[in-house]
């Protein structure tokens, strides 16, 4: 049980990370929230896949494989950058209930699994990734509240009016980094959903916009966090955070790809818009 407060805002909460137990097996809010985020992402994908010209039955194959490879990737990424500890305690590598899932490892794993599956079942990869990143934003936006219940993924001490305090912060007021990322991802979902419906010119454009949107936020917020994974060596005398480096690379790559493709036109999604317009036209004339 944690006593969590936002002192300047006069808000206080008692948070129990454990939702309930079944036969001595603890079900945590973290898992419930992550599962809910995944479910909402799937619901969105189900109702949006036609617009992205992706067959739902094939998309779900990509999602299921990506889910498995995402979990594996998230764990392997975390273990890799704490290798000395896990080489000394190899039995703990599979003990994910003790913590240790890195989001970038999960994203990389999910992308690889999804793309390989799309290639095998012969569907276009870019439209799959367009709808996938919108699902990611839903899952990431909601999933970060699991960090709130676990009282983790917070930042350094701050005197800002939304600073958070609990036993895990040593009763110091800190940046609620989980909240920053949650709000940013949910806002990103709204904006990119609107882009995909009204202004998308070619497959991959939403993916590139996601890279810029998420890469920028994560590069900034990661610098505030106190639980970052670091490179096992210094570079130019600096201890560098892994997620900040990856975020910077993703941000730059996204900007470059958007610029390179700024004049690109593709009627792939226009076909759906034309069909939709015809359907509405027939209804209006009936």
Protein backbone atom coordinates (compact mmCIF):
# COMPACT_ATOMS: atom_id res chain seq x y z
CA UNK A 1 0.00 0.00 0.00
CA UNK A 2 1.32 3.42 -0.97
CA UNK A 3 0.25 6.82 0.33
CA UNK A 4 0.45 8.95 -2.81
CA UNK A 5 -0.12 12.68 -2.83
CA UNK A 6 0.17 15.71 -5.05
CA UNK A 7 0.79 18.21 -2.19
CA UNK A 8 0.44 21.48 -4.07
CA UNK A 9 -2.85 20.31 -5.57
CA UNK A 10 -4.24 18.95 -2.30
CA UNK A 11 -4.75 15.44 -3.73
CA UNK A 12 -4.13 12.28 -1.68
CA UNK A 13 -4.61 8.62 -2.61
CA UNK A 14 -4.07 5.24 -1.00
CA UNK A 15 -2.80 2.93 -3.74
CA UNK A 16 -2.56 -0.86 -3.46
CA UNK A 17 -0.61 -2.37 -6.39
CA UNK A 18 -2.46 -5.66 -5.85
CA UNK A 19 -6.01 -5.67 -7.21
CA UNK A 20 -6.99 -9.07 -5.79
CA UNK A 21 -5.70 -12.59 -5.20
CA UNK A 22 -6.86 -15.94 -6.55
CA UNK A 23 -5.67 -18.96 -4.59
CA UNK A 24 -2.70 -17.02 -3.29
CA UNK A 25 -1.81 -15.76 -6.79
CA UNK A 26 -1.70 -11.96 -6.84
CA UNK A 27 -3.33 -10.06 -9.69
CA UNK A 28 -1.79 -6.61 -9.93
CA UNK A 29 -3.32 -3.43 -11.27
CA UNK A 30 -0.29 -3.10 -13.56
CA UNK A 31 -1.26 -6.25 -15.45
CA UNK A 32 -4.95 -5.32 -15.55
CA UNK A 33 -4.18 -1.86 -16.94
CA UNK A 34 -1.75 -3.20 -19.55
CA UNK A 35 -4.31 -5.82 -20.63
CA UNK A 36 -7.02 -3.13 -20.85
CA UNK A 37 -4.76 -0.94 -23.00
CA UNK A 38 -4.11 -3.88 -25.31
CA UNK A 39 -7.82 -4.64 -25.54
CA UNK A 40 -8.70 -1.03 -26.42
CA UNK A 41 -5.92 -0.98 -29.03
CA UNK A 42 -7.38 -4.15 -30.57
CA UNK A 43 -10.89 -2.64 -30.60
CA UNK A 44 -9.54 0.44 -32.38
CA UNK A 45 -7.66 -1.72 -34.88
CA UNK A 46 -10.79 -3.81 -35.54
CA UNK A 47 -12.85 -0.76 -36.45
CA UNK A 48 -10.01 0.97 -38.35
CA UNK A 49 -8.41 -1.82 -40.34
CA UNK A 50 -10.76 -1.31 -43.32
CA UNK A 51 -9.66 2.32 -43.55
CA UNK A 52 -6.03 1.19 -43.60
CA UNK A 53 -6.86 -1.44 -46.24
CA UNK A 54 -5.70 -4.28 -43.95
CA UNK A 55 -7.67 -7.51 -43.64
CA UNK A 56 -8.66 -7.97 -39.99
CA UNK A 57 -7.99 -11.74 -39.86
CA UNK A 58 -4.47 -11.20 -41.13
CA UNK A 59 -3.92 -8.16 -38.93
CA UNK A 60 -4.81 -10.14 -35.81
CA UNK A 61 -2.16 -12.72 -36.77
CA UNK A 62 0.43 -9.92 -36.84
CA UNK A 63 -0.84 -8.57 -33.51
CA UNK A 64 -0.72 -11.93 -31.71
CA UNK A 65 2.80 -12.69 -32.90
CA UNK A 66 3.88 -9.11 -32.16
CA UNK A 67 2.46 -9.41 -28.63
CA UNK A 68 4.59 -12.45 -27.88
CA UNK A 69 7.76 -11.07 -29.48
CA UNK A 70 7.11 -7.72 -27.80
CA UNK A 71 7.08 -9.27 -24.32
CA UNK A 72 10.22 -11.26 -25.14
CA UNK A 73 11.92 -8.16 -26.55
CA UNK A 74 10.98 -6.02 -23.55
CA UNK A 75 12.51 -8.55 -21.16
CA UNK A 76 15.63 -9.23 -23.23
CA UNK A 77 16.30 -5.50 -23.63
CA UNK A 78 16.15 -5.00 -19.86
CA UNK A 79 18.30 -8.06 -19.13
CA UNK A 80 20.90 -7.06 -21.74
CA UNK A 81 21.66 -3.78 -20.00
CA UNK A 82 21.80 -5.40 -16.57
CA UNK A 83 23.75 -8.38 -17.83
CA UNK A 84 26.23 -8.61 -14.95
CA UNK A 85 23.39 -9.06 -12.46
CA UNK A 86 21.48 -11.62 -14.54
CA UNK A 87 24.59 -13.65 -15.36
CA UNK A 88 25.02 -13.98 -11.61
CA UNK A 89 21.29 -14.74 -11.13
CA UNK A 90 20.22 -16.55 -14.35
CA UNK A 91 17.07 -18.02 -12.78
CA UNK A 92 15.64 -14.50 -12.45
CA UNK A 93 15.75 -13.81 -16.20
CA UNK A 94 12.25 -15.23 -16.67
CA UNK A 95 10.83 -13.71 -13.46
CA UNK A 96 9.06 -10.74 -15.02
CA UNK A 97 6.72 -10.42 -12.04
CA UNK A 98 9.68 -8.94 -10.18
CA UNK A 99 9.80 -6.09 -12.72
CA UNK A 100 12.06 -5.40 -15.64
CA UNK A 101 10.27 -4.80 -18.95
CA UNK A 102 11.77 -2.09 -21.16
CA UNK A 103 9.30 -0.36 -23.46
CA UNK A 104 11.73 0.11 -26.33
CA UNK A 105 12.59 -3.57 -26.25
CA UNK A 106 8.87 -4.27 -26.41
CA UNK A 107 8.33 -1.91 -29.35
CA UNK A 108 11.29 -3.34 -31.26
CA UNK A 109 10.19 -6.92 -30.55
CA UNK A 110 6.58 -6.20 -31.55
CA UNK A 111 7.68 -4.47 -34.77
CA UNK A 112 9.95 -7.34 -35.78
CA UNK A 113 7.38 -10.02 -34.99
CA UNK A 114 4.58 -8.12 -36.73
CA UNK A 115 6.64 -7.30 -39.82
CA UNK A 116 7.91 -10.87 -40.24
CA UNK A 117 4.37 -12.20 -39.89
CA UNK A 118 3.04 -9.66 -42.42
CA UNK A 119 5.72 -10.75 -44.86
CA UNK A 120 4.90 -14.44 -44.38
CA UNK A 121 1.13 -14.01 -44.82
CA UNK A 122 1.67 -11.60 -47.72
CA UNK A 123 0.11 -8.32 -46.61
CA UNK A 124 1.57 -4.85 -47.01
CA UNK A 125 3.80 -4.00 -44.04
CA UNK A 126 3.43 -0.21 -43.97
CA UNK A 127 -0.37 -0.12 -43.55
CA UNK A 128 0.00 -2.68 -40.75
CA UNK A 129 2.53 -0.42 -39.03
CA UNK A 130 0.30 2.64 -39.52
CA UNK A 131 -2.56 1.04 -37.62
CA UNK A 132 -0.15 -0.59 -35.13
CA UNK A 133 1.42 2.67 -33.95
CA UNK A 134 -2.01 4.16 -33.29
CA UNK A 135 -2.69 1.10 -31.14
CA UNK A 136 0.68 1.61 -29.45
CA UNK A 137 -0.32 5.14 -28.46
CA UNK A 138 -3.52 3.86 -26.86
CA UNK A 139 -1.66 1.10 -25.04
CA UNK A 140 1.19 3.36 -23.95
CA UNK A 141 -1.14 6.15 -22.86
CA UNK A 142 -3.23 3.87 -20.68
CA UNK A 143 -0.45 1.48 -19.70
CA UNK A 144 1.62 4.18 -18.00
CA UNK A 145 -1.01 4.29 -15.25
CA UNK A 146 0.26 0.86 -14.28
CA UNK A 147 3.45 2.68 -13.27
CA UNK A 148 1.34 4.92 -11.04
CA UNK A 149 -0.07 1.93 -9.16
CA UNK A 150 3.44 0.46 -8.83
CA UNK A 151 4.85 3.89 -7.90
CA UNK A 152 7.66 3.67 -10.42
CA UNK A 153 8.87 5.52 -13.54
CA UNK A 154 8.95 8.83 -11.69
CA UNK A 155 11.50 11.59 -12.04
CA UNK A 156 13.79 13.86 -10.08
CA UNK A 157 12.75 16.27 -7.34
CA UNK A 158 10.63 19.21 -8.49
CA UNK A 159 8.75 22.16 -7.05
CA UNK A 160 6.23 22.25 -9.88
CA UNK A 161 2.59 22.31 -8.72
CA UNK A 162 1.86 18.82 -10.05
CA UNK A 163 4.77 17.16 -8.22
CA UNK A 164 4.04 13.71 -6.74
CA UNK A 165 5.09 12.25 -3.38
CA UNK A 166 4.97 8.72 -1.90
CA UNK A 167 7.00 6.23 0.10
CA UNK A 168 8.80 5.17 -3.09
CA UNK A 169 9.95 8.76 -3.72
CA UNK A 170 11.37 8.95 -0.17
CA UNK A 171 8.56 11.41 0.57
CA UNK A 172 10.11 13.93 -1.81
CA UNK A 173 8.04 15.73 -4.44
CA UNK A 174 9.08 14.42 -7.85
CA UNK A 175 8.12 14.64 -11.52
CA UNK A 176 5.21 12.22 -12.30
CA UNK A 177 6.86 11.02 -15.50
CA UNK A 178 4.19 8.36 -15.99
CA UNK A 179 1.62 11.17 -16.27
CA UNK A 180 3.68 13.16 -18.76
CA UNK A 181 3.99 10.18 -21.09
CA UNK A 182 0.39 9.10 -20.67
CA UNK A 183 -1.00 12.51 -21.62
CA UNK A 184 1.46 12.90 -24.50
CA UNK A 185 0.60 9.48 -25.97
CA UNK A 186 -3.17 10.00 -25.67
CA UNK A 187 -2.89 13.43 -27.30
CA UNK A 188 -0.70 11.87 -29.99
CA UNK A 189 -3.35 9.24 -30.65
CA UNK A 190 -6.01 11.91 -31.19
CA UNK A 191 -3.79 13.94 -33.53
CA UNK A 192 -2.51 10.99 -35.57
CA UNK A 193 -5.97 9.45 -35.79
CA UNK A 194 -7.17 12.74 -37.30
CA UNK A 195 -4.16 12.79 -39.64
CA UNK A 196 -4.88 9.26 -40.80
CA UNK A 197 -8.53 10.02 -41.53
CA UNK A 198 -8.16 13.35 -43.30
CA UNK A 199 -4.65 13.99 -44.53
CA UNK A 200 -2.69 10.76 -44.95
CA UNK A 201 -1.05 10.73 -48.37
CA UNK A 202 0.79 7.39 -48.36
CA UNK A 203 1.31 4.22 -46.27
CA UNK A 204 3.94 4.85 -43.59
CA UNK A 205 3.14 8.52 -42.99
CA UNK A 206 1.44 7.81 -39.65
CA UNK A 207 4.38 5.60 -38.65
CA UNK A 208 6.88 8.38 -39.38
CA UNK A 209 4.75 10.93 -37.51
CA UNK A 210 4.62 8.54 -34.54
CA UNK A 211 8.41 8.29 -34.58
CA UNK A 212 8.71 12.07 -34.34
CA UNK A 213 5.94 12.48 -31.75
CA UNK A 214 7.00 9.72 -29.37
CA UNK A 215 10.74 10.08 -29.94
CA UNK A 216 10.65 13.77 -28.98
CA UNK A 217 8.66 13.21 -25.77
CA UNK A 218 10.63 10.18 -24.61
CA UNK A 219 13.96 11.90 -25.21
CA UNK A 220 12.90 14.75 -22.91
CA UNK A 221 11.06 12.79 -20.20
CA UNK A 222 13.70 10.07 -19.99
CA UNK A 223 16.16 12.75 -18.90
CA UNK A 224 13.99 13.37 -15.83
CA UNK A 225 13.68 9.75 -14.72
CA UNK A 226 15.69 8.16 -11.93
CA UNK A 227 15.41 4.52 -13.07
CA UNK A 228 16.93 4.72 -16.56
CA UNK A 229 19.05 2.02 -18.15
CA UNK A 230 22.51 3.34 -19.08
CA UNK A 231 25.14 2.35 -21.59
CA UNK A 232 27.67 0.02 -19.90
CA UNK A 233 30.43 2.47 -20.85
CA UNK A 234 30.94 6.23 -20.86
CA UNK A 235 31.04 8.21 -24.09
CA UNK A 236 33.03 11.44 -24.11
CA UNK A 237 33.04 11.17 -20.33
CA UNK A 238 29.24 11.06 -20.17
CA UNK A 239 26.98 8.35 -18.82
CA UNK A 240 24.29 8.07 -21.49
CA UNK A 241 20.77 6.76 -21.05
CA UNK A 242 19.84 4.04 -23.53
CA UNK A 243 16.29 5.26 -24.09
CA UNK A 244 17.41 8.83 -24.75
CA UNK A 245 19.84 7.67 -27.43
CA UNK A 246 17.20 5.48 -29.10
CA UNK A 247 14.63 8.29 -28.84
CA UNK A 248 16.99 10.75 -30.51
CA UNK A 249 17.68 8.29 -33.34
CA UNK A 250 13.95 7.61 -33.82
CA UNK A 251 13.12 11.33 -33.75
CA UNK A 252 15.76 12.20 -36.34
CA UNK A 253 14.85 9.23 -38.54
CA UNK A 254 11.17 10.20 -38.42
CA UNK A 255 11.90 13.80 -39.40
CA UNK A 256 14.15 12.70 -42.28
CA UNK A 257 11.56 10.21 -43.57
CA UNK A 258 8.77 12.80 -43.46
CA UNK A 259 10.93 15.33 -45.33
CA UNK A 260 12.14 12.83 -47.94
CA UNK A 261 8.55 11.71 -48.58
CA UNK A 262 6.95 15.17 -48.36
CA UNK A 263 5.97 15.15 -52.05
CA UNK A 264 4.97 11.50 -52.12
CA UNK A 265 1.42 10.76 -53.29
CA UNK A 266 -0.20 7.33 -53.19
CA UNK A 267 -3.83 6.47 -53.88
CA UNK A 268 -3.70 3.44 -51.56
CA UNK A 269 -5.86 5.07 -48.89
CA UNK A 270 -7.76 7.22 -51.39
CA UNK A 271 -9.40 4.05 -52.72
CA UNK A 272 -11.09 3.57 -49.35
CA UNK A 273 -12.11 7.24 -49.15
CA UNK A 274 -13.65 7.06 -52.62
CA UNK A 275 -15.57 3.89 -51.75
CA UNK A 276 -16.81 5.49 -48.54
CA UNK A 277 -17.92 8.62 -50.39
CA UNK A 278 -19.85 6.50 -52.89
CA UNK A 279 -21.58 4.59 -50.08
CA UNK A 280 -22.66 7.80 -48.39
CA UNK A 281 -23.72 9.20 -51.77
CA UNK A 282 -25.97 6.22 -52.43
CA UNK A 283 -27.54 6.51 -48.97
CA UNK A 284 -28.19 10.21 -49.45
CA UNK A 285 -29.82 9.58 -52.81
CA UNK A 286 -31.99 6.66 -51.70
